[in-house]
Amino acid sequence: MFAIGYGVMQLFYGPVGDRWGKYRVVILATLGCGVGCIFSALSSGLDQLVYARIATAVFSAAIIPMSLAWVGDAVDYHKRQETLARVGLGTMLGITSGQFFGGLLTDTLGWRWAFVMMACFFWTVSFLLWQHWKQLDASHHHSQVSAGFFKQLFLAGKDAWVRTILSIAVLEGACVFGLLAITATHLHNKFGISLTMAGSTAALFGLGGMVYMATAKYTIRKFGETGLSRIGASGLSVSFLIIAFTPWWPLALPACFGGGFGFAMFHNTMQAHATQMVPTARGTGVTLFAGFLFLGQSLGVLMLANLLTHFSSSFVIGCASVVALGLGLFLAHAIEKRQVRRAHSQ
């Protein structure tokens, strides 16, 4: 239910952020998340807990897309990808630490206190954001009057570059998240290792992404957008081809780590372009990107699960890896082509 509420609300927050200000929306969203967590902690039954989690999802859906869109408004493009990587690192650290402390509090004090802790964190962040918001100059408080989601959607759809980025986002979500959904099961079934070991191995994907985000300042300057797309997609593809066909399961350990690092290189480049798809309505543009990525994730998991009923997991992972490589190479080519066209028009 959390995932459904999160996905549907992407269609709402883009126009709201463009009209009323993305920073303001994030502040209100973190306040709302805290309230949702408190209701979760006070739930007396499963039905109440489900409704409270839906409410939390409704508010939390605004935080990451509106944060990325605000970065797009506030940071010059040549520094934006590095800034987005730092935001991504904070997100990954939050997810990881949240799982750890949530489990710790659940085991020691009970699950209700895990929700109380999350409420306190959300409200603390909301207060800090409000304090920082007061210190921002007027240019960062600027909001745009959106033309409305559907009108903006029509205008964005007429742009070939927007269609390119959104198409890649759908396929990226389908391939990568589909791969992640079946990696642990593949390792368990093929090599007979425990599900705990298989899941821990697959979790190295996230660690690889975090290492990229921590070193993005240097990686971005060295390789640039096209290099990150090519090298990142190549690393992702090679890593999962190793996972698919290696006869020795320990090779999956560095492969999962390398796959995460490569994916983060590619996805960080996609995020940067998502913030620039619709500069006049950046909130709508980023939520469109998030929505298409979310759609691809859902379709990919279903599609790969269906393919597994007809083909081996090695074959399915191998095919998805090749598609991921093609996406990275295509994105790099499209960026270069666009840069050349812009240079000629100036």
C-alpha atoms as a PDB file:
ATOM      1  CA  MET A   1       0.000   0.000   0.000  1.00  0.00           C
ATOM      2  CA  PHE A   2       2.897   2.339   0.718  1.00  0.00           C
ATOM      3  CA  ALA A   3       4.273   1.833  -2.816  1.00  0.00           C
ATOM      4  CA  ILE A   4       0.879   2.426  -4.455  1.00  0.00           C
ATOM      5  CA  GLY A   5       0.308   5.670  -2.566  1.00  0.00           C
ATOM      6  CA  TYR A   6       3.855   6.801  -3.312  1.00  0.00           C
ATOM      7  CA  GLY A   7       3.517   6.201  -7.035  1.00  0.00           C
ATOM      8  CA  VAL A   8       0.101   7.801  -7.521  1.00  0.00           C
ATOM      9  CA  MET A   9       1.054  10.999  -5.687  1.00  0.00           C
ATOM     10  CA  GLN A  10       3.881  11.693  -8.146  1.00  0.00           C
ATOM     11  CA  LEU A  11       1.197  13.056 -10.483  1.00  0.00           C
ATOM     12  CA  PHE A  12       0.109  15.586  -7.862  1.00  0.00           C
ATOM     13  CA  TYR A  13       3.274  17.051  -6.405  1.00  0.00           C
ATOM     14  CA  GLY A  14       4.921  18.242  -9.625  1.00  0.00           C
ATOM     15  CA  PRO A  15       2.363  20.987 -10.395  1.00  0.00           C
ATOM     16  CA  VAL A  16       1.993  21.792  -6.680  1.00  0.00           C
ATOM     17  CA  GLY A  17       5.757  22.281  -6.314  1.00  0.00           C
ATOM     18  CA  ASP A  18       5.931  24.447  -9.430  1.00  0.00           C
ATOM     19  CA  ARG A  19       3.058  26.630  -8.242  1.00  0.00           C
ATOM     20  CA  TRP A  20       3.748  26.974  -4.514  1.00  0.00           C
ATOM     21  CA  GLY A  21       7.490  26.337  -4.260  1.00  0.00           C
ATOM     22  CA  LYS A  22       9.367  23.065  -4.040  1.00  0.00           C
ATOM     23  CA  TYR A  23      11.210  23.870  -0.809  1.00  0.00           C
ATOM     24  CA  ARG A  24       7.946  24.740   0.928  1.00  0.00           C
ATOM     25  CA  VAL A  25       6.373  21.485  -0.264  1.00  0.00           C
ATOM     26  CA  VAL A  26       9.284  19.442   1.148  1.00  0.00           C
ATOM     27  CA  ILE A  27       8.935  21.164   4.536  1.00  0.00           C
ATOM     28  CA  LEU A  28       5.213  20.403   4.669  1.00  0.00           C
ATOM     29  CA  ALA A  29       5.792  16.863   3.415  1.00  0.00           C
ATOM     30  CA  THR A  30       8.258  16.062   6.210  1.00  0.00           C
ATOM     31  CA  LEU A  31       5.781  17.443   8.748  1.00  0.00           C
ATOM     32  CA  GLY A  32       3.071  15.232   7.272  1.00  0.00           C
ATOM     33  CA  CYS A  33       5.329  12.170   7.336  1.00  0.00           C
ATOM     34  CA  GLY A  34       5.909  12.701  11.038  1.00  0.00           C
ATOM     35  CA  VAL A  35       2.157  12.838  11.654  1.00  0.00           C
ATOM     36  CA  GLY A  36       1.691   9.646   9.618  1.00  0.00           C
ATOM     37  CA  CYS A  37       4.354   7.883  11.677  1.00  0.00           C
ATOM     38  CA  ILE A  38       2.674   8.918  14.924  1.00  0.00           C
ATOM     39  CA  PHE A  39      -0.657   7.548  13.680  1.00  0.00           C
ATOM     40  CA  SER A  40       1.172   4.330  12.762  1.00  0.00           C
ATOM     41  CA  ALA A  41       2.573   4.086  16.275  1.00  0.00           C
ATOM     42  CA  LEU A  42      -0.879   4.637  17.789  1.00  0.00           C
ATOM     43  CA  SER A  43      -2.645   2.138  15.510  1.00  0.00           C
ATOM     44  CA  SER A  44      -4.773  -0.376  17.387  1.00  0.00           C
ATOM     45  CA  GLY A  45      -5.245  -2.755  14.474  1.00  0.00           C
ATOM     46  CA  LEU A  46      -4.020  -3.704  11.023  1.00  0.00           C
ATOM     47  CA  ASP A  47      -6.592  -1.565   9.184  1.00  0.00           C
ATOM     48  CA  GLN A  48      -5.555   1.571  11.038  1.00  0.00           C
ATOM     49  CA  LEU A  49      -1.889   0.792  10.428  1.00  0.00           C
ATOM     50  CA  VAL A  50      -2.541   0.375   6.680  1.00  0.00           C
ATOM     51  CA  TYR A  51      -4.321   3.738   6.490  1.00  0.00           C
ATOM     52  CA  ALA A  52      -1.539   5.422   8.456  1.00  0.00           C
ATOM     53  CA  ARG A  53       1.095   3.977   6.130  1.00  0.00           C
ATOM     54  CA  ILE A  54      -0.845   5.166   3.075  1.00  0.00           C
ATOM     55  CA  ALA A  55      -0.972   8.648   4.598  1.00  0.00           C
ATOM     56  CA  THR A  56       2.783   8.541   5.210  1.00  0.00           C
ATOM     57  CA  ALA A  57       3.355   7.450   1.607  1.00  0.00           C
ATOM     58  CA  VAL A  58       1.197  10.316   0.333  1.00  0.00           C
ATOM     59  CA  PHE A  59       3.447  12.840   2.071  1.00  0.00           C
ATOM     60  CA  SER A  60       6.788  11.087   1.525  1.00  0.00           C
ATOM     61  CA  ALA A  61       6.197  10.937  -2.244  1.00  0.00           C
ATOM     62  CA  ALA A  62       7.035  14.637  -2.422  1.00  0.00           C
ATOM     63  CA  ILE A  63      10.377  14.596  -0.652  1.00  0.00           C
ATOM     64  CA  ILE A  64      12.860  13.130  -3.147  1.00  0.00           C
ATOM     65  CA  PRO A  65      11.375  14.450  -6.444  1.00  0.00           C
ATOM     66  CA  MET A  66      10.855  17.949  -5.060  1.00  0.00           C
ATOM     67  CA  SER A  67      14.346  17.929  -3.533  1.00  0.00           C
ATOM     68  CA  LEU A  68      15.864  17.021  -6.900  1.00  0.00           C
ATOM     69  CA  ALA A  69      13.762  19.666  -8.639  1.00  0.00           C
ATOM     70  CA  TRP A  70      14.824  22.303  -6.100  1.00  0.00           C
ATOM     71  CA  VAL A  71      18.474  21.389  -6.683  1.00  0.00           C
ATOM     72  CA  GLY A  72      17.766  21.922 -10.389  1.00  0.00           C
ATOM     73  CA  ASP A  73      16.465  25.420  -9.637  1.00  0.00           C
ATOM     74  CA  ALA A  74      19.190  26.383  -7.163  1.00  0.00           C
ATOM     75  CA  VAL A  75      22.379  24.841  -8.595  1.00  0.00           C
ATOM     76  CA  ASP A  76      24.016  25.633 -11.944  1.00  0.00           C
ATOM     77  CA  TYR A  77      23.985  22.734 -14.365  1.00  0.00           C
ATOM     78  CA  HIS A  78      27.764  22.218 -14.401  1.00  0.00           C
ATOM     79  CA  LYS A  79      27.680  21.563 -10.630  1.00  0.00           C
ATOM     80  CA  ARG A  80      24.267  19.921 -10.494  1.00  0.00           C
ATOM     81  CA  GLN A  81      25.215  16.293 -11.095  1.00  0.00           C
ATOM     82  CA  GLU A  82      27.713  16.379  -8.236  1.00  0.00           C
ATOM     83  CA  THR A  83      25.086  17.918  -5.945  1.00  0.00           C
ATOM     84  CA  LEU A  84      22.509  15.321  -6.971  1.00  0.00           C
ATOM     85  CA  ALA A  85      25.012  12.595  -6.115  1.00  0.00           C
ATOM     86  CA  ARG A  86      25.373  14.030  -2.603  1.00  0.00           C
ATOM     87  CA  VAL A  87      21.587  14.060  -2.250  1.00  0.00           C
ATOM     88  CA  GLY A  88      21.560  10.422  -3.383  1.00  0.00           C
ATOM     89  CA  LEU A  89      24.221   9.514  -0.833  1.00  0.00           C
ATOM     90  CA  GLY A  90      22.126  11.062   1.923  1.00  0.00           C
ATOM     91  CA  THR A  91      19.101   9.129   0.694  1.00  0.00           C
ATOM     92  CA  MET A  92      20.980   5.817   0.711  1.00  0.00           C
ATOM     93  CA  LEU A  93      22.431   6.485   4.162  1.00  0.00           C
ATOM     94  CA  GLY A  94      18.938   7.316   5.403  1.00  0.00           C
ATOM     95  CA  ILE A  95      17.471   4.103   4.002  1.00  0.00           C
ATOM     96  CA  THR A  96      20.288   1.998   5.456  1.00  0.00           C
ATOM     97  CA  SER A  97      20.323   3.613   8.903  1.00  0.00           C
ATOM     98  CA  GLY A  98      16.514   3.605   9.024  1.00  0.00           C
ATOM     99  CA  GLN A  99      16.413  -0.139   8.502  1.00  0.00           C
ATOM    100  CA  PHE A 100      19.085  -0.665  11.159  1.00  0.00           C
ATOM    101  CA  PHE A 101      17.601   1.579  13.853  1.00  0.00           C
ATOM    102  CA  GLY A 102      14.059   0.484  13.019  1.00  0.00           C
ATOM    103  CA  GLY A 103      15.040  -3.134  13.540  1.00  0.00           C
ATOM    104  CA  LEU A 104      16.998  -2.289  16.690  1.00  0.00           C
ATOM    105  CA  LEU A 105      14.102  -0.414  18.297  1.00  0.00           C
ATOM    106  CA  THR A 106      11.617  -3.084  17.254  1.00  0.00           C
ATOM    107  CA  ASP A 107      13.717  -5.795  18.921  1.00  0.00           C
ATOM    108  CA  THR A 108      14.344  -3.777  22.095  1.00  0.00           C
ATOM    109  CA  LEU A 109      11.403  -1.436  22.716  1.00  0.00           C
ATOM    110  CA  GLY A 110       8.758  -2.659  20.258  1.00  0.00           C
ATOM    111  CA  TRP A 111       7.644  -1.692  16.753  1.00  0.00           C
ATOM    112  CA  ARG A 112       5.654   1.336  17.892  1.00  0.00           C
ATOM    113  CA  TRP A 113       8.826   3.059  19.068  1.00  0.00           C
ATOM    114  CA  ALA A 114      10.356   2.585  15.627  1.00  0.00           C
ATOM    115  CA  PHE A 115       7.564   4.766  14.228  1.00  0.00           C
ATOM    116  CA  VAL A 116       8.011   7.293  17.041  1.00  0.00           C
ATOM    117  CA  MET A 117      11.709   7.541  16.184  1.00  0.00           C
ATOM    118  CA  MET A 118      10.870   8.155  12.523  1.00  0.00           C
ATOM    119  CA  ALA A 119       8.376  10.876  13.492  1.00  0.00           C
ATOM    120  CA  CYS A 120      11.043  12.620  15.558  1.00  0.00           C
ATOM    121  CA  PHE A 121      13.489  12.447  12.656  1.00  0.00           C
ATOM    122  CA  PHE A 122      10.952  13.825  10.187  1.00  0.00           C
ATOM    123  CA  TRP A 123      10.003  16.726  12.458  1.00  0.00           C
ATOM    124  CA  THR A 124      13.653  17.520  13.178  1.00  0.00           C
ATOM    125  CA  VAL A 125      14.393  17.654   9.449  1.00  0.00           C
ATOM    126  CA  SER A 126      11.328  19.819   8.869  1.00  0.00           C
ATOM    127  CA  PHE A 127      12.498  22.288  11.530  1.00  0.00           C
ATOM    128  CA  LEU A 128      16.023  22.413  10.105  1.00  0.00           C
ATOM    129  CA  LEU A 129      14.666  22.975   6.604  1.00  0.00           C
ATOM    130  CA  TRP A 130      12.460  25.787   7.889  1.00  0.00           C
ATOM    131  CA  GLN A 131      15.442  27.405   9.616  1.00  0.00           C
ATOM    132  CA  HIS A 132      17.487  27.168   6.434  1.00  0.00           C
ATOM    133  CA  TRP A 133      14.597  28.426   4.286  1.00  0.00           C
ATOM    134  CA  LYS A 134      14.527  31.695   6.256  1.00  0.00           C
ATOM    135  CA  GLN A 135      18.196  32.245   5.389  1.00  0.00           C
ATOM    136  CA  LEU A 136      17.798  31.690   1.647  1.00  0.00           C
ATOM    137  CA  ASP A 137      17.702  34.710  -0.609  1.00  0.00           C
ATOM    138  CA  ALA A 138      14.547  35.579  -2.512  1.00  0.00           C
ATOM    139  CA  SER A 139      15.697  33.857  -5.712  1.00  0.00           C
ATOM    140  CA  HIS A 140      15.502  30.478  -3.983  1.00  0.00           C
ATOM    141  CA  HIS A 141      11.952  31.195  -2.767  1.00  0.00           C
ATOM    142  CA  HIS A 142      10.789  31.712  -6.334  1.00  0.00           C
ATOM    143  CA  SER A 143       7.873  29.604  -7.475  1.00  0.00           C
ATOM    144  CA  GLN A 144       6.359  29.259 -10.900  1.00  0.00           C
ATOM    145  CA  VAL A 145       2.728  29.320 -11.916  1.00  0.00           C
ATOM    146  CA  SER A 146       2.282  25.936 -13.502  1.00  0.00           C
ATOM    147  CA  ALA A 147       0.182  25.580 -16.623  1.00  0.00           C
ATOM    148  CA  GLY A 148      -1.436  22.533 -15.021  1.00  0.00           C
ATOM    149  CA  PHE A 149      -0.222  18.985 -15.050  1.00  0.00           C
ATOM    150  CA  PHE A 150      -1.991  17.755 -18.167  1.00  0.00           C
ATOM    151  CA  LYS A 151      -1.215  20.860 -20.217  1.00  0.00           C
ATOM    152  CA  GLN A 152       2.410  20.702 -19.088  1.00  0.00           C
ATOM    153  CA  LEU A 153       2.403  16.984 -19.898  1.00  0.00           C
ATOM    154  CA  PHE A 154       1.230  17.764 -23.432  1.00  0.00           C
ATOM    155  CA  LEU A 155       3.866  20.464 -23.889  1.00  0.00           C
ATOM    156  CA  ALA A 156       6.601  18.185 -22.542  1.00  0.00           C
ATOM    157  CA  GLY A 157       5.485  15.335 -24.784  1.00  0.00           C
ATOM    158  CA  LYS A 158       6.069  17.496 -27.849  1.00  0.00           C
ATOM    159  CA  ASP A 159       9.773  17.760 -26.961  1.00  0.00           C
ATOM    160  CA  ALA A 160      11.834  14.953 -28.522  1.00  0.00           C
ATOM    161  CA  TRP A 161      14.475  15.151 -25.774  1.00  0.00           C
ATOM    162  CA  VAL A 162      11.859  14.739 -23.051  1.00  0.00           C
ATOM    163  CA  ARG A 163      10.474  11.690 -24.846  1.00  0.00           C
ATOM    164  CA  THR A 164      14.001  10.278 -25.095  1.00  0.00           C
ATOM    165  CA  ILE A 165      14.753  10.665 -21.363  1.00  0.00           C
ATOM    166  CA  LEU A 166      11.381   9.272 -20.290  1.00  0.00           C
ATOM    167  CA  SER A 167      11.693   6.295 -22.638  1.00  0.00           C
ATOM    168  CA  ILE A 168      15.132   5.481 -21.239  1.00  0.00           C
ATOM    169  CA  ALA A 169      13.741   5.897 -17.696  1.00  0.00           C
ATOM    170  CA  VAL A 170      11.035   3.273 -18.301  1.00  0.00           C
ATOM    171  CA  LEU A 171      13.527   0.785 -19.717  1.00  0.00           C
ATOM    172  CA  GLU A 172      16.070   1.577 -16.989  1.00  0.00           C
ATOM    173  CA  GLY A 173      13.498   0.909 -14.285  1.00  0.00           C
ATOM    174  CA  ALA A 174      12.406  -2.319 -15.971  1.00  0.00           C
ATOM    175  CA  CYS A 175      15.907  -3.707 -16.513  1.00  0.00           C
ATOM    176  CA  VAL A 176      17.747  -2.669 -13.379  1.00  0.00           C
ATOM    177  CA  PHE A 177      15.029  -3.116 -10.782  1.00  0.00           C
ATOM    178  CA  GLY A 178      13.883  -6.272 -12.501  1.00  0.00           C
ATOM    179  CA  LEU A 179      17.428  -7.583 -12.231  1.00  0.00           C
ATOM    180  CA  LEU A 180      17.644  -6.684  -8.565  1.00  0.00           C
ATOM    181  CA  ALA A 181      14.350  -8.435  -7.857  1.00  0.00           C
ATOM    182  CA  ILE A 182      15.623 -11.791  -9.118  1.00  0.00           C
ATOM    183  CA  THR A 183      19.340 -11.646  -8.250  1.00  0.00           C
ATOM    184  CA  ALA A 184      19.089 -13.147  -4.756  1.00  0.00           C
ATOM    185  CA  THR A 185      16.760 -15.925  -5.953  1.00  0.00           C
ATOM    186  CA  HIS A 186      19.104 -16.676  -8.854  1.00  0.00           C
ATOM    187  CA  LEU A 187      22.101 -17.048  -6.544  1.00  0.00           C
ATOM    188  CA  HIS A 188      20.107 -19.185  -4.115  1.00  0.00           C
ATOM    189  CA  ASN A 189      18.755 -21.536  -6.784  1.00  0.00           C
ATOM    190  CA  LYS A 190      21.911 -21.820  -8.876  1.00  0.00           C
ATOM    191  CA  PHE A 191      24.524 -22.205  -6.147  1.00  0.00           C
ATOM    192  CA  GLY A 192      22.464 -23.493  -3.230  1.00  0.00           C
ATOM    193  CA  ILE A 193      23.600 -20.743  -0.853  1.00  0.00           C
ATOM    194  CA  SER A 194      21.231 -19.577   1.871  1.00  0.00           C
ATOM    195  CA  LEU A 195      18.731 -16.827   1.155  1.00  0.00           C
ATOM    196  CA  THR A 196      20.439 -14.739   3.840  1.00  0.00           C
ATOM    197  CA  MET A 197      23.785 -15.014   2.059  1.00  0.00           C
ATOM    198  CA  ALA A 198      22.169 -14.435  -1.340  1.00  0.00           C
ATOM    199  CA  GLY A 199      20.333 -11.357  -0.065  1.00  0.00           C
ATOM    200  CA  SER A 200      23.467  -9.988   1.573  1.00  0.00           C
ATOM    201  CA  THR A 201      25.374 -10.465  -1.669  1.00  0.00           C
ATOM    202  CA  ALA A 202      22.709  -8.622  -3.647  1.00  0.00           C
ATOM    203  CA  ALA A 203      22.774  -5.832  -1.033  1.00  0.00           C
ATOM    204  CA  LEU A 204      26.340  -5.020  -2.119  1.00  0.00           C
ATOM    205  CA  PHE A 205      24.686  -3.350  -5.122  1.00  0.00           C
ATOM    206  CA  GLY A 206      23.556  -0.562  -2.793  1.00  0.00           C
ATOM    207  CA  LEU A 207      27.011  -0.275  -1.238  1.00  0.00           C
ATOM    208  CA  GLY A 208      28.546   0.156  -4.694  1.00  0.00           C
ATOM    209  CA  GLY A 209      26.107   2.961  -5.410  1.00  0.00           C
ATOM    210  CA  MET A 210      26.998   4.684  -2.158  1.00  0.00           C
ATOM    211  CA  VAL A 211      30.719   4.514  -2.936  1.00  0.00           C
ATOM    212  CA  TYR A 212      30.092   6.172  -6.315  1.00  0.00           C
ATOM    213  CA  MET A 213      28.056   8.930  -4.685  1.00  0.00           C
ATOM    214  CA  ALA A 214      30.826   9.530  -2.161  1.00  0.00           C
ATOM    215  CA  THR A 215      33.414   9.825  -4.953  1.00  0.00           C
ATOM    216  CA  ALA A 216      31.184  11.489  -7.559  1.00  0.00           C
ATOM    217  CA  LYS A 217      33.018  14.810  -7.336  1.00  0.00           C
ATOM    218  CA  TYR A 218      36.098  13.240  -8.890  1.00  0.00           C
ATOM    219  CA  THR A 219      34.374  10.712 -11.148  1.00  0.00           C
ATOM    220  CA  ILE A 220      32.131  13.297 -12.806  1.00  0.00           C
ATOM    221  CA  ARG A 221      35.040  15.639 -13.525  1.00  0.00           C
ATOM    222  CA  LYS A 222      37.135  12.833 -14.973  1.00  0.00           C
ATOM    223  CA  PHE A 223      34.603  11.143 -17.257  1.00  0.00           C
ATOM    224  CA  GLY A 224      31.857  13.698 -17.913  1.00  0.00           C
ATOM    225  CA  GLU A 225      28.256  12.834 -18.745  1.00  0.00           C
ATOM    226  CA  THR A 226      28.921  10.689 -21.781  1.00  0.00           C
ATOM    227  CA  GLY A 227      31.749   8.816 -20.085  1.00  0.00           C
ATOM    228  CA  LEU A 228      29.615   8.130 -17.023  1.00  0.00           C
ATOM    229  CA  SER A 229      26.817   6.796 -19.239  1.00  0.00           C
ATOM    230  CA  ARG A 230      29.081   4.488 -21.258  1.00  0.00           C
ATOM    231  CA  ILE A 231      31.320   3.291 -18.436  1.00  0.00           C
ATOM    232  CA  GLY A 232      28.484   3.021 -15.930  1.00  0.00           C
ATOM    233  CA  ALA A 233      26.239   0.978 -18.214  1.00  0.00           C
ATOM    234  CA  SER A 234      29.185  -1.175 -19.286  1.00  0.00           C
ATOM    235  CA  GLY A 235      30.113  -1.868 -15.667  1.00  0.00           C
ATOM    236  CA  LEU A 236      26.506  -2.674 -14.823  1.00  0.00           C
ATOM    237  CA  SER A 237      26.166  -5.013 -17.808  1.00  0.00           C
ATOM    238  CA  VAL A 238      29.448  -6.854 -17.273  1.00  0.00           C
ATOM    239  CA  SER A 239      28.710  -7.249 -13.557  1.00  0.00           C
ATOM    240  CA  PHE A 240      25.352  -8.888 -14.132  1.00  0.00           C
ATOM    241  CA  LEU A 241      26.701 -11.055 -16.943  1.00  0.00           C
ATOM    242  CA  ILE A 242      29.191 -12.376 -14.376  1.00  0.00           C
ATOM    243  CA  ILE A 243      26.366 -12.963 -11.910  1.00  0.00           C
ATOM    244  CA  ALA A 244      24.369 -14.750 -14.603  1.00  0.00           C
ATOM    245  CA  PHE A 245      27.034 -17.111 -15.915  1.00  0.00           C
ATOM    246  CA  THR A 246      29.805 -17.476 -13.341  1.00  0.00           C
ATOM    247  CA  PRO A 247      30.345 -21.063 -12.164  1.00  0.00           C
ATOM    248  CA  TRP A 248      31.778 -19.801  -8.856  1.00  0.00           C
ATOM    249  CA  TRP A 249      29.384 -17.834  -6.649  1.00  0.00           C
ATOM    250  CA  PRO A 250      31.971 -15.721  -4.706  1.00  0.00           C
ATOM    251  CA  LEU A 251      32.519 -13.788  -7.951  1.00  0.00           C
ATOM    252  CA  ALA A 252      29.009 -12.438  -7.431  1.00  0.00           C
ATOM    253  CA  LEU A 253      30.291 -10.425  -4.439  1.00  0.00           C
ATOM    254  CA  PRO A 254      32.486  -7.965  -6.390  1.00  0.00           C
ATOM    255  CA  ALA A 255      30.058  -8.186  -9.323  1.00  0.00           C
ATOM    256  CA  CYS A 256      27.137  -6.891  -7.252  1.00  0.00           C
ATOM    257  CA  PHE A 257      29.303  -4.118  -5.837  1.00  0.00           C
ATOM    258  CA  GLY A 258      30.532  -3.154  -9.314  1.00  0.00           C
ATOM    259  CA  GLY A 259      27.016  -3.296 -10.711  1.00  0.00           C
ATOM    260  CA  GLY A 260      25.825  -0.839  -8.085  1.00  0.00           C
ATOM    261  CA  PHE A 261      28.723   1.508  -8.804  1.00  0.00           C
ATOM    262  CA  GLY A 262      28.044   1.366 -12.545  1.00  0.00           C
ATOM    263  CA  PHE A 263      24.307   1.858 -12.144  1.00  0.00           C
ATOM    264  CA  ALA A 264      24.858   4.914  -9.948  1.00  0.00           C
ATOM    265  CA  MET A 265      27.107   6.456 -12.621  1.00  0.00           C
ATOM    266  CA  PHE A 266      24.421   5.965 -15.254  1.00  0.00           C
ATOM    267  CA  HIS A 267      21.438   6.917 -13.079  1.00  0.00           C
ATOM    268  CA  ASN A 268      23.114  10.046 -11.742  1.00  0.00           C
ATOM    269  CA  THR A 269      23.485  11.244 -15.331  1.00  0.00           C
ATOM    270  CA  MET A 270      19.807  10.488 -15.965  1.00  0.00           C
ATOM    271  CA  GLN A 271      18.820  12.459 -12.860  1.00  0.00           C
ATOM    272  CA  ALA A 272      20.788  15.491 -14.010  1.00  0.00           C
ATOM    273  CA  HIS A 273      18.979  15.497 -17.342  1.00  0.00           C
ATOM    274  CA  ALA A 274      15.635  14.897 -15.643  1.00  0.00           C
ATOM    275  CA  THR A 275      16.078  18.175 -13.754  1.00  0.00           C
ATOM    276  CA  GLN A 276      16.646  19.949 -17.066  1.00  0.00           C
ATOM    277  CA  MET A 277      13.862  18.345 -19.138  1.00  0.00           C
ATOM    278  CA  VAL A 278      11.292  21.052 -18.415  1.00  0.00           C
ATOM    279  CA  PRO A 279      13.177  24.057 -16.955  1.00  0.00           C
ATOM    280  CA  THR A 280      10.019  26.185 -16.801  1.00  0.00           C
ATOM    281  CA  ALA A 281       8.213  23.555 -14.696  1.00  0.00           C
ATOM    282  CA  ARG A 282      10.993  21.540 -13.134  1.00  0.00           C
ATOM    283  CA  GLY A 283       8.791  19.960 -10.489  1.00  0.00           C
ATOM    284  CA  THR A 284       6.497  18.507 -13.119  1.00  0.00           C
ATOM    285  CA  GLY A 285       9.490  17.312 -15.152  1.00  0.00           C
ATOM    286  CA  VAL A 286      11.146  15.489 -12.256  1.00  0.00           C
ATOM    287  CA  THR A 287       7.905  13.869 -11.104  1.00  0.00           C
ATOM    288  CA  LEU A 288       7.310  12.713 -14.687  1.00  0.00           C
ATOM    289  CA  PHE A 289      10.757  11.128 -14.632  1.00  0.00           C
ATOM    290  CA  ALA A 290      10.084   9.504 -11.254  1.00  0.00           C
ATOM    291  CA  GLY A 291       6.706   8.269 -12.432  1.00  0.00           C
ATOM    292  CA  PHE A 292       8.122   6.683 -15.589  1.00  0.00           C
ATOM    293  CA  LEU A 293      10.954   5.101 -13.594  1.00  0.00           C
ATOM    294  CA  PHE A 294       8.399   3.753 -11.116  1.00  0.00           C
ATOM    295  CA  LEU A 295       6.267   2.422 -13.980  1.00  0.00           C
ATOM    296  CA  GLY A 296       9.285   0.699 -15.504  1.00  0.00           C
ATOM    297  CA  GLN A 297      10.183  -0.855 -12.165  1.00  0.00           C
ATOM    298  CA  SER A 298       6.705  -2.334 -11.782  1.00  0.00           C
ATOM    299  CA  LEU A 299       6.576  -3.612 -15.361  1.00  0.00           C
ATOM    300  CA  GLY A 300      10.122  -4.979 -15.204  1.00  0.00           C
ATOM    301  CA  VAL A 301       9.530  -7.066 -12.105  1.00  0.00           C
ATOM    302  CA  LEU A 302       6.380  -8.566 -13.630  1.00  0.00           C
ATOM    303  CA  MET A 303       8.004  -9.127 -17.028  1.00  0.00           C
ATOM    304  CA  LEU A 304      11.159 -10.796 -15.731  1.00  0.00           C
ATOM    305  CA  ALA A 305       9.164 -12.945 -13.309  1.00  0.00           C
ATOM    306  CA  ASN A 306       7.059 -14.131 -16.245  1.00  0.00           C
ATOM    307  CA  LEU A 307      10.137 -14.850 -18.371  1.00  0.00           C
ATOM    308  CA  LEU A 308      11.541 -16.995 -15.584  1.00  0.00           C
ATOM    309  CA  THR A 309       8.695 -19.435 -16.127  1.00  0.00           C
ATOM    310  CA  HIS A 310       9.975 -20.058 -19.674  1.00  0.00           C
ATOM    311  CA  PHE A 311      13.748 -19.494 -19.491  1.00  0.00           C
ATOM    312  CA  SER A 312      16.573 -19.984 -17.019  1.00  0.00           C
ATOM    313  CA  SER A 313      17.458 -17.155 -14.666  1.00  0.00           C
ATOM    314  CA  SER A 314      20.949 -16.960 -16.232  1.00  0.00           C
ATOM    315  CA  PHE A 315      19.446 -16.329 -19.657  1.00  0.00           C
ATOM    316  CA  VAL A 316      16.985 -13.718 -18.361  1.00  0.00           C
ATOM    317  CA  ILE A 317      19.657 -11.832 -16.388  1.00  0.00           C
ATOM    318  CA  GLY A 318      22.024 -11.976 -19.363  1.00  0.00           C
ATOM    319  CA  CYS A 319      19.427 -10.512 -21.742  1.00  0.00           C
ATOM    320  CA  ALA A 320      18.488  -7.716 -19.332  1.00  0.00           C
ATOM    321  CA  SER A 321      22.191  -6.909 -18.892  1.00  0.00           C
ATOM    322  CA  VAL A 322      22.637  -6.465 -22.646  1.00  0.00           C
ATOM    323  CA  VAL A 323      19.607  -4.153 -22.769  1.00  0.00           C
ATOM    324  CA  ALA A 324      21.082  -2.075 -19.918  1.00  0.00           C
ATOM    325  CA  LEU A 325      24.330  -1.730 -21.867  1.00  0.00           C
ATOM    326  CA  GLY A 326      22.386  -0.558 -24.897  1.00  0.00           C
ATOM    327  CA  LEU A 327      20.609   2.078 -22.818  1.00  0.00           C
ATOM    328  CA  GLY A 328      23.880   3.554 -21.567  1.00  0.00           C
ATOM    329  CA  LEU A 329      25.444   3.661 -25.014  1.00  0.00           C
ATOM    330  CA  PHE A 330      22.289   5.176 -26.499  1.00  0.00           C
ATOM    331  CA  LEU A 331      22.124   7.863 -23.793  1.00  0.00           C
ATOM    332  CA  ALA A 332      25.764   8.814 -24.346  1.00  0.00           C
ATOM    333  CA  HIS A 333      25.187   9.038 -28.112  1.00  0.00           C
ATOM    334  CA  ALA A 334      22.032  11.109 -27.620  1.00  0.00           C
ATOM    335  CA  ILE A 335      23.832  13.531 -25.278  1.00  0.00           C
ATOM    336  CA  GLU A 336      26.696  13.986 -27.727  1.00  0.00           C
ATOM    337  CA  LYS A 337      24.285  14.533 -30.610  1.00  0.00           C
ATOM    338  CA  ARG A 338      22.348  17.119 -28.606  1.00  0.00           C
ATOM    339  CA  GLN A 339      25.517  18.943 -27.584  1.00  0.00           C
ATOM    340  CA  VAL A 340      26.664  19.144 -31.211  1.00  0.00           C
ATOM    341  CA  ARG A 341      23.266  20.443 -32.303  1.00  0.00           C
ATOM    342  CA  ARG A 342      23.326  23.107 -29.584  1.00  0.00           C
ATOM    343  CA  ALA A 343      26.853  24.156 -30.518  1.00  0.00           C
ATOM    344  CA  HIS A 344      25.842  24.619 -34.166  1.00  0.00           C
ATOM    345  CA  SER A 345      22.794  26.664 -33.203  1.00  0.00           C
ATOM    346  CA  GLN A 346      24.836  29.181 -31.199  1.00  0.00           C
END
